[in-house]
Amino acid sequence: MDKKVATISGGAKNIGKGIALKLLSENWRVAIIDIDKNGLQNLEGSEDILKFCGDVSSEKDVKEFFEKIKEKFGRLDLIVNNAAIGGFKNFLDLSVSEWKKVIDVNLTGYFLMSRFGVPLILENPGKGTIVNIASTRSIMSEPGNEAYSASKSGILGLTHALANSLGPNIRVNAISPGWILHENETISEEEHKQHPVGRAGKISDIAELVLFLSDENKSGFITGANIVIDGGMTRKMIYI
C-alpha cells in the first residue's frame, strides 16, 4: 500500500507502454487497460502490474477494470488517459458511425476512465493526478483528420473542466505530443531536421513529462494546463 499506483489506458504499446515501463522503473505499480490482447500478453508480468483487456469506450469494461485495481492494489494516485484511434479519412467519405467511434474511444473513454477512477483516488490516498494525452492536432490540422482533431480538442476542454471540478485534491493536465516515433519507427534525417530542436520526439520524452506532472513536489502548482511537446513545430512558419 505504500507504493503509488497508476492506471494507463492504451498501455500495451507505443506511448502508453513507454509510460508504463517508466513508472514501473520508478517503483510505481501500474494497471493497464487495452483492447490489444496480444500486446498485453507480450508485456512482462510482475506483482506490480495489472493487465486488463477491455474497451475504454465501454462503461461496463471500465467499471470492472477499476474494481480489479481496488481489489489488487487498494489505491490509485495517477490516471493516464492515452488510448486513442485515428480514423483519418476524407471528410466527405466519413460516416456518422466512424465519427462516433473516434469520439467514443478518444473522448468518452477519457471521461469514463476519470469518472470511475477519481473515487478511488479520493478514497485512498485522497490526492492524485490525471494526465490526458491529447495531440498537437487539437490546435492545428491537415485534411482528413476531422474526427481525430475534434476528439483531441475535446480533451483540452475536458482537462480544464476537470481541473476546476476536482481541485485541489486532484490536479488535471494535458500533454499534446507532436511527431513521436513509435516503437521501431525510423525516419529520414531530413524529417528529423525539420524540427527546430533537430529531431522528432521519442516515447521517453512523453514518459518523462508524465512522471514530472505526477510529482506534487515538482509540478504541484500546475493544473488545467496543456503542455505542447513537439520540438517546436507548432511555432514554425511553413510556406510552400
Foldseek 3Di string as FASTA:
>chain_A
DPAAEEEEEPLLFWLNVLLCVVCVVVRHQYEYEYLPPVSQVPDDDDLRYHYHHDALLDLVRLLVSVVVCCVSPVAHAEYEYDDFDFLFDAPVPDDPVSLVVRLSRLAVSLVSNCVNRVVRHCVPPNAHEYEYEAACLCVPNDGRRVSNNVSSVNVLVVFLVCCVVPPDRYAGEYEHEYFEATPPDDDDQVVQCVQLQRGFHYSVVVSVVSVQCGDCVRCVVDHSYYHYDTSCPVVDDDDD
